Structure formats: C-alpha cells, structure tokens
Amino acid sequence: MDFLTMNSEDKSEVIKKYKKGVLLRNYSGQLTYEIPNYLYEQYKPAKKKIVKQFSLFPFGFTINGPDEAFQTCLKGSKRIGIEWDVWSGLIFVAKNEQTESLVNEIVEFCENNEI
C-alpha cells in the first residue's frame, strides 16, 4: 500500500446531521461542528459573534491562508478552534475534552440563530 492510498480514506465519524451543519468526530478524534457553504467573507463576522456570545478569549493571531483561516479561543481551560476552509466551510473544533460541552452549546446556538 502506498502513502497516497493509505491516507485517502476518510476516518471521520458523523454523529448527527443538523439543518445547517453536521456534528462529527474528525480524523484526530476531536468533536467538530461544520457548517458547509460558508464563504471566507462570512468567517470573521461569525467568529466575532460566537466569541462575544460565549465570552471567549481569542488566543494568538488569526491565521489566514488562501484556502483556510483559523484561530484558537479560550474559556478557562476550554480551547476551541474557530476555523474556515474551502472544503468544510465554518468549523468549530474542541481542542480538548473539556471543550466538547461548549461545542454542543455552539451547535445549539448556530442551529437556532443567524450567524
């Protein structure tokens, strides 16, 4: 088996499909909520709204590339990635196990509000 064949299989596990997005465990085992069809121009306003709504503290810089953007935010010991890429759209990633409850709260908020 060559390297390309070995890594081409999607190892993520869909937990639940929602109206706007999907909750899943990504390849690394992190709880992740993805909202597809989000444009890059929508990323910063959505990130700002979620940061304010959940009293998050942006940690470090927002990394912006041609196909992706991401920033880690903190709330106590909880670390969450607020990300965007051209394939998945807007993404919220629990960076540690304590953050999974926060991701679930964000799912509820996003599904019931305009972001």
PDB file of N, CA and C in Angstrom:
ATOM      1  N   MET A   1       0.854  -1.176   0.000  1.00  0.00           N
ATOM      2  CA  MET A   1       0.000   0.000   0.000  1.00  0.00           C
ATOM      3  C   MET A   1       0.896   1.234   0.000  1.00  0.00           C
ATOM      4  N   ASP A   2       0.641   2.157  -0.920  1.00  0.00           N
ATOM      5  CA  ASP A   2       1.455   3.361  -0.957  1.00  0.00           C
ATOM      6  C   ASP A   2       0.878   4.447  -0.049  1.00  0.00           C
ATOM      7  N   PHE A   3       1.657   5.500   0.165  1.00  0.00           N
ATOM      8  CA  PHE A   3       1.280   6.579   1.082  1.00  0.00           C
ATOM      9  C   PHE A   3      -0.040   7.229   0.685  1.00  0.00           C
ATOM     10  N   LEU A   4      -0.267   7.510  -0.583  1.00  0.00           N
ATOM     11  CA  LEU A   4      -1.485   8.180  -1.027  1.00  0.00           C
ATOM     12  C   LEU A   4      -2.719   7.314  -0.800  1.00  0.00           C
ATOM     13  N   THR A   5      -2.625   6.047  -1.071  1.00  0.00           N
ATOM     14  CA  THR A   5      -3.746   5.142  -0.860  1.00  0.00           C
ATOM     15  C   THR A   5      -4.050   5.006   0.623  1.00  0.00           C
ATOM     16  N   MET A   6      -3.013   4.918   1.423  1.00  0.00           N
ATOM     17  CA  MET A   6      -3.169   4.722   2.845  1.00  0.00           C
ATOM     18  C   MET A   6      -3.892   5.900   3.507  1.00  0.00           C
ATOM     19  N   ASN A   7      -3.672   7.126   3.048  1.00  0.00           N
ATOM     20  CA  ASN A   7      -4.236   8.299   3.704  1.00  0.00           C
ATOM     21  C   ASN A   7      -5.484   8.851   3.029  1.00  0.00           C
ATOM     22  N   SER A   8      -5.976   8.215   1.998  1.00  0.00           N
ATOM     23  CA  SER A   8      -7.111   8.771   1.275  1.00  0.00           C
ATOM     24  C   SER A   8      -8.462   8.408   1.901  1.00  0.00           C
ATOM     25  N   GLU A   9      -8.489   7.456   2.817  1.00  0.00           N
ATOM     26  CA  GLU A   9      -9.734   7.041   3.447  1.00  0.00           C
ATOM     27  C   GLU A   9     -10.151   8.055   4.514  1.00  0.00           C
ATOM     28  N   ASP A  10     -11.422   8.474   4.485  1.00  0.00           N
ATOM     29  CA  ASP A  10     -11.940   9.427   5.466  1.00  0.00           C
ATOM     30  C   ASP A  10     -12.238   8.674   6.755  1.00  0.00           C
ATOM     31  N   LYS A  11     -11.579   9.046   7.830  1.00  0.00           N
ATOM     32  CA  LYS A  11     -11.743   8.361   9.111  1.00  0.00           C
ATOM     33  C   LYS A  11     -12.666   9.129  10.065  1.00  0.00           C
ATOM     34  N   SER A  12     -13.285  10.215   9.587  1.00  0.00           N
ATOM     35  CA  SER A  12     -14.179  10.952  10.471  1.00  0.00           C
ATOM     36  C   SER A  12     -15.473  10.178  10.662  1.00  0.00           C
ATOM     37  N   GLU A  13     -16.147  10.451  11.780  1.00  0.00           N
ATOM     38  CA  GLU A  13     -17.375   9.745  12.128  1.00  0.00           C
ATOM     39  C   GLU A  13     -18.493  10.769  12.338  1.00  0.00           C
ATOM     40  N   VAL A  14     -19.506  10.716  11.511  1.00  0.00           N
ATOM     41  CA  VAL A  14     -20.647  11.621  11.650  1.00  0.00           C
ATOM     42  C   VAL A  14     -21.451  11.201  12.872  1.00  0.00           C
ATOM     43  N   ILE A  15     -21.714  12.165  13.748  1.00  0.00           N
ATOM     44  CA  ILE A  15     -22.512  11.910  14.944  1.00  0.00           C
ATOM     45  C   ILE A  15     -23.969  12.282  14.689  1.00  0.00           C
ATOM     46  N   LYS A  16     -24.183  13.480  14.137  1.00  0.00           N
ATOM     47  CA  LYS A  16     -25.545  13.917  13.861  1.00  0.00           C
ATOM     48  C   LYS A  16     -25.547  14.988  12.785  1.00  0.00           C
ATOM     49  N   LYS A  17     -26.493  14.854  11.857  1.00  0.00           N
ATOM     50  CA  LYS A  17     -26.688  15.877  10.829  1.00  0.00           C
ATOM     51  C   LYS A  17     -27.793  16.809  11.296  1.00  0.00           C
ATOM     52  N   TYR A  18     -27.529  18.091  11.186  1.00  0.00           N
ATOM     53  CA  TYR A  18     -28.491  19.129  11.561  1.00  0.00           C
ATOM     54  C   TYR A  18     -28.944  19.847  10.300  1.00  0.00           C
ATOM     55  N   LYS A  19     -29.858  20.777  10.470  1.00  0.00           N
ATOM     56  CA  LYS A  19     -30.362  21.552   9.336  1.00  0.00           C
ATOM     57  C   LYS A  19     -29.243  22.355   8.668  1.00  0.00           C
ATOM     58  N   LYS A  20     -28.418  23.022   9.469  1.00  0.00           N
ATOM     59  CA  LYS A  20     -27.350  23.873   8.931  1.00  0.00           C
ATOM     60  C   LYS A  20     -26.012  23.161   8.801  1.00  0.00           C
ATOM     61  N   GLY A  21     -25.704  22.270   9.721  1.00  0.00           N
ATOM     62  CA  GLY A  21     -24.370  21.684   9.739  1.00  0.00           C
ATOM     63  C   GLY A  21     -24.366  20.237  10.189  1.00  0.00           C
ATOM     64  N   VAL A  22     -23.181  19.747  10.466  1.00  0.00           N
ATOM     65  CA  VAL A  22     -23.004  18.359  10.884  1.00  0.00           C
ATOM     66  C   VAL A  22     -22.025  18.310  12.064  1.00  0.00           C
ATOM     67  N   LEU A  23     -22.369  17.493  13.066  1.00  0.00           N
ATOM     68  CA  LEU A  23     -21.515  17.250  14.221  1.00  0.00           C
ATOM     69  C   LEU A  23     -20.789  15.945  13.956  1.00  0.00           C
ATOM     70  N   LEU A  24     -19.478  15.952  14.115  1.00  0.00           N
ATOM     71  CA  LEU A  24     -18.701  14.749  13.834  1.00  0.00           C
ATOM     72  C   LEU A  24     -17.468  14.668  14.699  1.00  0.00           C
ATOM     73  N   ARG A  25     -16.852  13.508  14.694  1.00  0.00           N
ATOM     74  CA  ARG A  25     -15.510  13.326  15.263  1.00  0.00           C
ATOM     75  C   ARG A  25     -14.575  13.312  14.076  1.00  0.00           C
ATOM     76  N   ASN A  26     -13.651  14.253  14.081  1.00  0.00           N
ATOM     77  CA  ASN A  26     -12.726  14.307  12.954  1.00  0.00           C
ATOM     78  C   ASN A  26     -11.692  13.189  13.045  1.00  0.00           C
ATOM     79  N   TYR A  27     -10.836  13.150  12.073  1.00  0.00           N
ATOM     80  CA  TYR A  27      -9.818  12.104  11.988  1.00  0.00           C
ATOM     81  C   TYR A  27      -8.971  12.024  13.257  1.00  0.00           C
ATOM     82  N   SER A  28      -8.763  13.178  13.921  1.00  0.00           N
ATOM     83  CA  SER A  28      -7.964  13.222  15.151  1.00  0.00           C
ATOM     84  C   SER A  28      -8.776  12.904  16.397  1.00  0.00           C
ATOM     85  N   GLY A  29     -10.075  12.613  16.248  1.00  0.00           N
ATOM     86  CA  GLY A  29     -10.914  12.279  17.384  1.00  0.00           C
ATOM     87  C   GLY A  29     -11.527  13.487  18.072  1.00  0.00           C
ATOM     88  N   GLN A  30     -11.353  14.670  17.499  1.00  0.00           N
ATOM     89  CA  GLN A  30     -11.889  15.895  18.097  1.00  0.00           C
ATOM     90  C   GLN A  30     -13.353  16.082  17.696  1.00  0.00           C
ATOM     91  N   LEU A  31     -14.189  16.494  18.663  1.00  0.00           N
ATOM     92  CA  LEU A  31     -15.567  16.809  18.364  1.00  0.00           C
ATOM     93  C   LEU A  31     -15.581  18.081  17.530  1.00  0.00           C
ATOM     94  N   THR A  32     -16.267  18.036  16.395  1.00  0.00           N
ATOM     95  CA  THR A  32     -16.225  19.110  15.410  1.00  0.00           C
ATOM     96  C   THR A  32     -17.621  19.370  14.860  1.00  0.00           C
ATOM     97  N   TYR A  33     -17.940  20.644  14.707  1.00  0.00           N
ATOM     98  CA  TYR A  33     -19.205  21.040  14.089  1.00  0.00           C
ATOM     99  C   TYR A  33     -18.864  21.838  12.841  1.00  0.00           C
ATOM    100  N   GLU A  34     -19.350  21.392  11.706  1.00  0.00           N
ATOM    101  CA  GLU A  34     -19.054  22.032  10.422  1.00  0.00           C
ATOM    102  C   GLU A  34     -20.344  22.551   9.787  1.00  0.00           C
ATOM    103  N   ILE A  35     -20.272  23.798   9.312  1.00  0.00           N
ATOM    104  CA  ILE A  35     -21.382  24.386   8.566  1.00  0.00           C
ATOM    105  C   ILE A  35     -20.865  24.631   7.155  1.00  0.00           C
ATOM    106  N   PRO A  36     -21.266  23.800   6.183  1.00  0.00           N
ATOM    107  CA  PRO A  36     -20.733  23.941   4.821  1.00  0.00           C
ATOM    108  C   PRO A  36     -21.275  25.188   4.119  1.00  0.00           C
ATOM    109  N   ASN A  37     -20.695  25.469   2.988  1.00  0.00           N
ATOM    110  CA  ASN A  37     -21.126  26.573   2.109  1.00  0.00           C
ATOM    111  C   ASN A  37     -20.980  27.947   2.752  1.00  0.00           C
ATOM    112  N   TYR A  38     -20.069  28.079   3.688  1.00  0.00           N
ATOM    113  CA  TYR A  38     -19.754  29.371   4.281  1.00  0.00           C
ATOM    114  C   TYR A  38     -18.635  30.000   3.482  1.00  0.00           C
ATOM    115  N   LEU A  39     -18.786  31.248   3.143  1.00  0.00           N
ATOM    116  CA  LEU A  39     -17.754  31.968   2.399  1.00  0.00           C
ATOM    117  C   LEU A  39     -16.733  32.563   3.361  1.00  0.00           C
ATOM    118  N   TYR A  40     -15.540  32.807   2.867  1.00  0.00           N
ATOM    119  CA  TYR A  40     -14.494  33.405   3.693  1.00  0.00           C
ATOM    120  C   TYR A  40     -14.954  34.740   4.278  1.00  0.00           C
ATOM    121  N   GLU A  41     -15.686  35.525   3.506  1.00  0.00           N
ATOM    122  CA  GLU A  41     -16.157  36.833   3.959  1.00  0.00           C
ATOM    123  C   GLU A  41     -17.097  36.710   5.164  1.00  0.00           C
ATOM    124  N   GLN A  42     -17.693  35.558   5.358  1.00  0.00           N
ATOM    125  CA  GLN A  42     -18.602  35.322   6.482  1.00  0.00           C
ATOM    126  C   GLN A  42     -17.873  34.840   7.733  1.00  0.00           C
ATOM    127  N   TYR A  43     -16.622  34.408   7.578  1.00  0.00           N
ATOM    128  CA  TYR A  43     -15.868  33.819   8.688  1.00  0.00           C
ATOM    129  C   TYR A  43     -15.648  34.803   9.837  1.00  0.00           C
ATOM    130  N   LYS A  44     -15.093  35.966   9.545  1.00  0.00           N
ATOM    131  CA  LYS A  44     -14.770  36.918  10.618  1.00  0.00           C
ATOM    132  C   LYS A  44     -16.010  37.407  11.370  1.00  0.00           C
ATOM    133  N   PRO A  45     -17.102  37.785  10.684  1.00  0.00           N
ATOM    134  CA  PRO A  45     -18.303  38.188  11.438  1.00  0.00           C
ATOM    135  C   PRO A  45     -18.875  37.042  12.289  1.00  0.00           C
ATOM    136  N   ALA A  46     -18.847  35.817  11.771  1.00  0.00           N
ATOM    137  CA  ALA A  46     -19.350  34.671  12.541  1.00  0.00           C
ATOM    138  C   ALA A  46     -18.461  34.418  13.751  1.00  0.00           C
ATOM    139  N   LYS A  47     -17.148  34.486  13.553  1.00  0.00           N
ATOM    140  CA  LYS A  47     -16.206  34.280  14.658  1.00  0.00           C
ATOM    141  C   LYS A  47     -16.434  35.333  15.735  1.00  0.00           C
ATOM    142  N   LYS A  48     -16.589  36.581  15.338  1.00  0.00           N
ATOM    143  CA  LYS A  48     -16.803  37.673  16.284  1.00  0.00           C
ATOM    144  C   LYS A  48     -18.087  37.450  17.094  1.00  0.00           C
ATOM    145  N   LYS A  49     -19.139  37.013  16.431  1.00  0.00           N
ATOM    146  CA  LYS A  49     -20.422  36.783  17.102  1.00  0.00           C
ATOM    147  C   LYS A  49     -20.322  35.643  18.122  1.00  0.00           C
ATOM    148  N   ILE A  50     -19.654  34.559  17.750  1.00  0.00           N
ATOM    149  CA  ILE A  50     -19.506  33.411  18.651  1.00  0.00           C
ATOM    150  C   ILE A  50     -18.603  33.773  19.829  1.00  0.00           C
ATOM    151  N   VAL A  51     -17.529  34.500  19.575  1.00  0.00           N
ATOM    152  CA  VAL A  51     -16.625  34.931  20.649  1.00  0.00           C
ATOM    153  C   VAL A  51     -17.393  35.759  21.671  1.00  0.00           C
ATOM    154  N   LYS A  52     -18.202  36.679  21.199  1.00  0.00           N
ATOM    155  CA  LYS A  52     -18.991  37.529  22.103  1.00  0.00           C
ATOM    156  C   LYS A  52     -20.059  36.723  22.836  1.00  0.00           C
ATOM    157  N   GLN A  53     -20.805  35.912  22.102  1.00  0.00           N
ATOM    158  CA  GLN A  53     -21.907  35.134  22.675  1.00  0.00           C
ATOM    159  C   GLN A  53     -21.438  34.202  23.791  1.00  0.00           C
ATOM    160  N   PHE A  54     -20.263  33.600  23.626  1.00  0.00           N
ATOM    161  CA  PHE A  54     -19.786  32.592  24.575  1.00  0.00           C
ATOM    162  C   PHE A  54     -18.631  33.078  25.446  1.00  0.00           C
ATOM    163  N   SER A  55     -18.390  34.395  25.444  1.00  0.00           N
ATOM    164  CA  SER A  55     -17.344  35.016  26.284  1.00  0.00           C
ATOM    165  C   SER A  55     -15.992  34.320  26.104  1.00  0.00           C
ATOM    166  N   LEU A  56     -15.609  34.143  24.855  1.00  0.00           N
ATOM    167  CA  LEU A  56     -14.337  33.503  24.536  1.00  0.00           C
ATOM    168  C   LEU A  56     -13.231  34.550  24.458  1.00  0.00           C
ATOM    169  N   PHE A  57     -12.019  34.111  24.689  1.00  0.00           N
ATOM    170  CA  PHE A  57     -10.845  34.980  24.595  1.00  0.00           C
ATOM    171  C   PHE A  57      -9.989  34.504  23.422  1.00  0.00           C
ATOM    172  N   PRO A  58      -9.894  35.300  22.348  1.00  0.00           N
ATOM    173  CA  PRO A  58      -9.041  34.910  21.223  1.00  0.00           C
ATOM    174  C   PRO A  58      -7.585  34.782  21.685  1.00  0.00           C
ATOM    175  N   PHE A  59      -6.952  33.691  21.330  1.00  0.00           N
ATOM    176  CA  PHE A  59      -5.587  33.397  21.743  1.00  0.00           C
ATOM    177  C   PHE A  59      -4.693  33.420  20.515  1.00  0.00           C
ATOM    178  N   GLY A  60      -3.728  34.302  20.511  1.00  0.00           N
ATOM    179  CA  GLY A  60      -2.822  34.400  19.366  1.00  0.00           C
ATOM    180  C   GLY A  60      -3.481  35.113  18.206  1.00  0.00           C
ATOM    181  N   PHE A  61      -2.932  34.890  17.051  1.00  0.00           N
ATOM    182  CA  PHE A  61      -3.387  35.559  15.836  1.00  0.00           C
ATOM    183  C   PHE A  61      -4.320  34.665  15.036  1.00  0.00           C
ATOM    184  N   THR A  62      -5.174  35.301  14.221  1.00  0.00           N
ATOM    185  CA  THR A  62      -5.930  34.550  13.234  1.00  0.00           C
ATOM    186  C   THR A  62      -4.967  34.229  12.103  1.00  0.00           C
ATOM    187  N   ILE A  63      -4.903  32.977  11.724  1.00  0.00           N
ATOM    188  CA  ILE A  63      -4.069  32.548  10.611  1.00  0.00           C
ATOM    189  C   ILE A  63      -4.945  32.555   9.368  1.00  0.00           C
ATOM    190  N   ASN A  64      -4.534  33.297   8.367  1.00  0.00           N
ATOM    191  CA  ASN A  64      -5.295  33.396   7.118  1.00  0.00           C
ATOM    192  C   ASN A  64      -4.436  32.908   5.963  1.00  0.00           C
ATOM    193  N   GLY A  65      -4.963  31.959   5.226  1.00  0.00           N
ATOM    194  CA  GLY A  65      -4.313  31.489   4.017  1.00  0.00           C
ATOM    195  C   GLY A  65      -5.300  31.584   2.874  1.00  0.00           C
ATOM    196  N   PRO A  66      -4.891  31.226   1.687  1.00  0.00           N
ATOM    197  CA  PRO A  66      -5.803  31.335   0.555  1.00  0.00           C
ATOM    198  C   PRO A  66      -6.994  30.382   0.625  1.00  0.00           C
ATOM    199  N   ASP A  67      -6.838  29.268   1.322  1.00  0.00           N
ATOM    200  CA  ASP A  67      -7.893  28.255   1.388  1.00  0.00           C
ATOM    201  C   ASP A  67      -8.393  27.979   2.800  1.00  0.00           C
ATOM    202  N   GLU A  68      -7.824  28.678   3.799  1.00  0.00           N
ATOM    203  CA  GLU A  68      -8.204  28.393   5.169  1.00  0.00           C
ATOM    204  C   GLU A  68      -7.916  29.575   6.087  1.00  0.00           C
ATOM    205  N   ALA A  69      -8.617  29.598   7.213  1.00  0.00           N
ATOM    206  CA  ALA A  69      -8.385  30.574   8.273  1.00  0.00           C
ATOM    207  C   ALA A  69      -8.714  29.880   9.583  1.00  0.00           C
ATOM    208  N   PHE A  70      -7.968  30.198  10.632  1.00  0.00           N
ATOM    209  CA  PHE A  70      -8.275  29.587  11.915  1.00  0.00           C
ATOM    210  C   PHE A  70      -7.684  30.383  13.067  1.00  0.00           C
ATOM    211  N   GLN A  71      -8.346  30.266  14.209  1.00  0.00           N
ATOM    212  CA  GLN A  71      -7.879  30.879  15.436  1.00  0.00           C
ATOM    213  C   GLN A  71      -8.350  30.035  16.603  1.00  0.00           C
ATOM    214  N   THR A  72      -7.503  29.921  17.608  1.00  0.00           N
ATOM    215  CA  THR A  72      -7.872  29.240  18.841  1.00  0.00           C
ATOM    216  C   THR A  72      -8.415  30.276  19.810  1.00  0.00           C
ATOM    217  N   CYS A  73      -9.480  29.911  20.515  1.00  0.00           N
ATOM    218  CA  CYS A  73     -10.069  30.767  21.541  1.00  0.00           C
ATOM    219  C   CYS A  73     -10.129  29.985  22.845  1.00  0.00           C
ATOM    220  N   LEU A  74     -10.096  30.722  23.942  1.00  0.00           N
ATOM    221  CA  LEU A  74     -10.082  30.111  25.264  1.00  0.00           C
ATOM    222  C   LEU A  74     -11.279  30.545  26.093  1.00  0.00           C
ATOM    223  N   LYS A  75     -11.695  29.669  26.978  1.00  0.00           N
ATOM    224  CA  LYS A  75     -12.673  29.989  28.018  1.00  0.00           C
ATOM    225  C   LYS A  75     -12.277  29.125  29.209  1.00  0.00           C
ATOM    226  N   GLY A  76     -11.509  29.695  30.116  1.00  0.00           N
ATOM    227  CA  GLY A  76     -10.934  28.909  31.205  1.00  0.00           C
ATOM    228  C   GLY A  76      -9.984  27.872  30.626  1.00  0.00           C
ATOM    229  N   SER A  77     -10.214  26.601  30.975  1.00  0.00           N
ATOM    230  CA  SER A  77      -9.361  25.523  30.454  1.00  0.00           C
ATOM    231  C   SER A  77      -9.863  24.974  29.121  1.00  0.00           C
ATOM    232  N   LYS A  78     -10.950  25.541  28.619  1.00  0.00           N
ATOM    233  CA  LYS A  78     -11.507  25.086  27.343  1.00  0.00           C
ATOM    234  C   LYS A  78     -10.806  25.786  26.194  1.00  0.00           C
ATOM    235  N   ARG A  79     -10.419  25.003  25.190  1.00  0.00           N
ATOM    236  CA  ARG A  79      -9.779  25.542  23.979  1.00  0.00           C
ATOM    237  C   ARG A  79     -10.588  25.103  22.778  1.00  0.00           C
ATOM    238  N   ILE A  80     -10.993  26.083  21.978  1.00  0.00           N
ATOM    239  CA  ILE A  80     -11.791  25.780  20.793  1.00  0.00           C
ATOM    240  C   ILE A  80     -11.169  26.447  19.573  1.00  0.00           C
ATOM    241  N   GLY A  81     -11.151  25.721  18.483  1.00  0.00           N
ATOM    242  CA  GLY A  81     -10.721  26.291  17.215  1.00  0.00           C
ATOM    243  C   GLY A  81     -11.934  26.794  16.460  1.00  0.00           C
ATOM    244  N   ILE A  82     -11.866  28.039  16.023  1.00  0.00           N
ATOM    245  CA  ILE A  82     -12.891  28.577  15.129  1.00  0.00           C
ATOM    246  C   ILE A  82     -12.191  28.717  13.792  1.00  0.00           C
ATOM    247  N   GLU A  83     -12.646  27.945  12.825  1.00  0.00           N
ATOM    248  CA  GLU A  83     -11.888  27.768  11.589  1.00  0.00           C
ATOM    249  C   GLU A  83     -12.786  27.915  10.365  1.00  0.00           C
ATOM    250  N   TRP A  84     -12.143  28.056   9.234  1.00  0.00           N
ATOM    251  CA  TRP A  84     -12.840  28.076   7.954  1.00  0.00           C
ATOM    252  C   TRP A  84     -11.910  27.473   6.913  1.00  0.00           C
ATOM    253  N   ASP A  85     -12.472  26.674   6.032  1.00  0.00           N
ATOM    254  CA  ASP A  85     -11.723  26.272   4.842  1.00  0.00           C
ATOM    255  C   ASP A  85     -12.690  26.073   3.676  1.00  0.00           C
ATOM    256  N   VAL A  86     -12.135  26.044   2.491  1.00  0.00           N
ATOM    257  CA  VAL A  86     -12.964  25.994   1.281  1.00  0.00           C
ATOM    258  C   VAL A  86     -13.723  24.682   1.141  1.00  0.00           C
ATOM    259  N   TRP A  87     -13.297  23.639   1.811  1.00  0.00           N
ATOM    260  CA  TRP A  87     -13.940  22.332   1.687  1.00  0.00           C
ATOM    261  C   TRP A  87     -15.049  22.136   2.709  1.00  0.00           C
ATOM    262  N   SER A  88     -14.820  22.579   3.944  1.00  0.00           N
ATOM    263  CA  SER A  88     -15.767  22.309   5.028  1.00  0.00           C
ATOM    264  C   SER A  88     -16.619  23.503   5.425  1.00  0.00           C
ATOM    265  N   GLY A  89     -16.213  24.706   5.081  1.00  0.00           N
ATOM    266  CA  GLY A  89     -16.950  25.906   5.490  1.00  0.00           C
ATOM    267  C   GLY A  89     -16.517  26.366   6.865  1.00  0.00           C
ATOM    268  N   LEU A  90     -17.473  26.781   7.691  1.00  0.00           N
ATOM    269  CA  LEU A  90     -17.213  27.246   9.049  1.00  0.00           C
ATOM    270  C   LEU A  90     -17.120  26.039   9.963  1.00  0.00           C
ATOM    271  N   ILE A  91     -16.084  26.022  10.810  1.00  0.00           N
ATOM    272  CA  ILE A  91     -15.795  24.840  11.617  1.00  0.00           C
ATOM    273  C   ILE A  91     -15.502  25.247  13.059  1.00  0.00           C
ATOM    274  N   PHE A  92     -16.061  24.499  14.009  1.00  0.00           N
ATOM    275  CA  PHE A  92     -15.764  24.674  15.430  1.00  0.00           C
ATOM    276  C   PHE A  92     -15.176  23.356  15.918  1.00  0.00           C
ATOM    277  N   VAL A  93     -13.962  23.410  16.485  1.00  0.00           N
ATOM    278  CA  VAL A  93     -13.247  22.199  16.871  1.00  0.00           C
ATOM    279  C   VAL A  93     -12.911  22.229  18.358  1.00  0.00           C
ATOM    280  N   ALA A  94     -13.348  21.214  19.096  1.00  0.00           N
ATOM    281  CA  ALA A  94     -12.967  21.066  20.504  1.00  0.00           C
ATOM    282  C   ALA A  94     -11.502  20.638  20.543  1.00  0.00           C
ATOM    283  N   LYS A  95     -10.650  21.501  21.087  1.00  0.00           N
ATOM    284  CA  LYS A  95      -9.208  21.211  21.135  1.00  0.00           C
ATOM    285  C   LYS A  95      -8.834  20.351  22.331  1.00  0.00           C
ATOM    286  N   ASN A  96      -9.760  20.192  23.286  1.00  0.00           N
ATOM    287  CA  ASN A  96      -9.551  19.284  24.409  1.00  0.00           C
ATOM    288  C   ASN A  96     -10.917  18.736  24.843  1.00  0.00           C
ATOM    289  N   GLU A  97     -10.892  17.697  25.634  1.00  0.00           N
ATOM    290  CA  GLU A  97     -12.135  17.011  26.008  1.00  0.00           C
ATOM    291  C   GLU A  97     -13.087  17.916  26.790  1.00  0.00           C
ATOM    292  N   GLN A  98     -12.546  18.817  27.622  1.00  0.00           N
ATOM    293  CA  GLN A  98     -13.385  19.719  28.411  1.00  0.00           C
ATOM    294  C   GLN A  98     -14.224  20.629  27.519  1.00  0.00           C
ATOM    295  N   THR A  99     -13.837  20.815  26.276  1.00  0.00           N
ATOM    296  CA  THR A  99     -14.495  21.759  25.376  1.00  0.00           C
ATOM    297  C   THR A  99     -15.681  21.145  24.634  1.00  0.00           C
ATOM    298  N   GLU A 100     -15.877  19.851  24.729  1.00  0.00           N
ATOM    299  CA  GLU A 100     -16.952  19.217  23.976  1.00  0.00           C
ATOM    300  C   GLU A 100     -18.324  19.767  24.351  1.00  0.00           C
ATOM    301  N   SER A 101     -18.545  20.078  25.612  1.00  0.00           N
ATOM    302  CA  SER A 101     -19.833  20.654  26.011  1.00  0.00           C
ATOM    303  C   SER A 101     -20.030  22.028  25.382  1.00  0.00           C
ATOM    304  N   LEU A 102     -18.964  22.801  25.252  1.00  0.00           N
ATOM    305  CA  LEU A 102     -19.036  24.116  24.613  1.00  0.00           C
ATOM    306  C   LEU A 102     -19.370  23.975  23.128  1.00  0.00           C
ATOM    307  N   VAL A 103     -18.794  22.993  22.464  1.00  0.00           N
ATOM    308  CA  VAL A 103     -19.121  22.754  21.048  1.00  0.00           C
ATOM    309  C   VAL A 103     -20.605  22.434  20.914  1.00  0.00           C
ATOM    310  N   ASN A 104     -21.125  21.633  21.810  1.00  0.00           N
ATOM    311  CA  ASN A 104     -22.559  21.314  21.769  1.00  0.00           C
ATOM    312  C   ASN A 104     -23.423  22.557  21.981  1.00  0.00           C
ATOM    313  N   GLU A 105     -23.005  23.457  22.852  1.00  0.00           N
ATOM    314  CA  GLU A 105     -23.725  24.717  23.053  1.00  0.00           C
ATOM    315  C   GLU A 105     -23.671  25.575  21.786  1.00  0.00           C
ATOM    316  N   ILE A 106     -22.527  25.586  21.130  1.00  0.00           N
ATOM    317  CA  ILE A 106     -22.372  26.355  19.882  1.00  0.00           C
ATOM    318  C   ILE A 106     -23.254  25.768  18.788  1.00  0.00           C
ATOM    319  N   VAL A 107     -23.339  24.444  18.720  1.00  0.00           N
ATOM    320  CA  VAL A 107     -24.237  23.789  17.760  1.00  0.00           C
ATOM    321  C   VAL A 107     -25.652  24.298  17.969  1.00  0.00           C
ATOM    322  N   GLU A 108     -26.115  24.250  19.205  1.00  0.00           N
ATOM    323  CA  GLU A 108     -27.478  24.688  19.535  1.00  0.00           C
ATOM    324  C   GLU A 108     -27.680  26.154  19.131  1.00  0.00           C
ATOM    325  N   PHE A 109     -26.710  26.997  19.454  1.00  0.00           N
ATOM    326  CA  PHE A 109     -26.818  28.415  19.117  1.00  0.00           C
ATOM    327  C   PHE A 109     -26.859  28.623  17.597  1.00  0.00           C
ATOM    328  N   CYS A 110     -25.946  28.001  16.890  1.00  0.00           N
ATOM    329  CA  CYS A 110     -25.873  28.180  15.436  1.00  0.00           C
ATOM    330  C   CYS A 110     -27.112  27.652  14.723  1.00  0.00           C
ATOM    331  N   GLU A 111     -27.622  26.536  15.191  1.00  0.00           N
ATOM    332  CA  GLU A 111     -28.795  25.954  14.559  1.00  0.00           C
ATOM    333  C   GLU A 111     -30.054  26.794  14.773  1.00  0.00           C
ATOM    334  N   ASN A 112     -30.071  27.583  15.841  1.00  0.00           N
ATOM    335  CA  ASN A 112     -31.261  28.357  16.185  1.00  0.00           C
ATOM    336  C   ASN A 112     -31.130  29.861  15.968  1.00  0.00           C
ATOM    337  N   ASN A 113     -29.987  30.296  15.479  1.00  0.00           N
ATOM    338  CA  ASN A 113     -29.744  31.728  15.269  1.00  0.00           C
ATOM    339  C   ASN A 113     -29.007  31.964  13.966  1.00  0.00           C
ATOM    340  N   GLU A 114     -29.086  33.171  13.500  1.00  0.00           N
ATOM    341  CA  GLU A 114     -28.334  33.575  12.308  1.00  0.00           C
ATOM    342  C   GLU A 114     -26.921  33.935  12.732  1.00  0.00           C
ATOM    343  N   ILE A 115     -25.935  33.331  12.105  1.00  0.00           N
ATOM    344  CA  ILE A 115     -24.557  33.692  12.437  1.00  0.00           C
ATOM    345  C   ILE A 115     -23.811  34.142  11.196  1.00  0.00           C
TER     346      ILE A 115
END
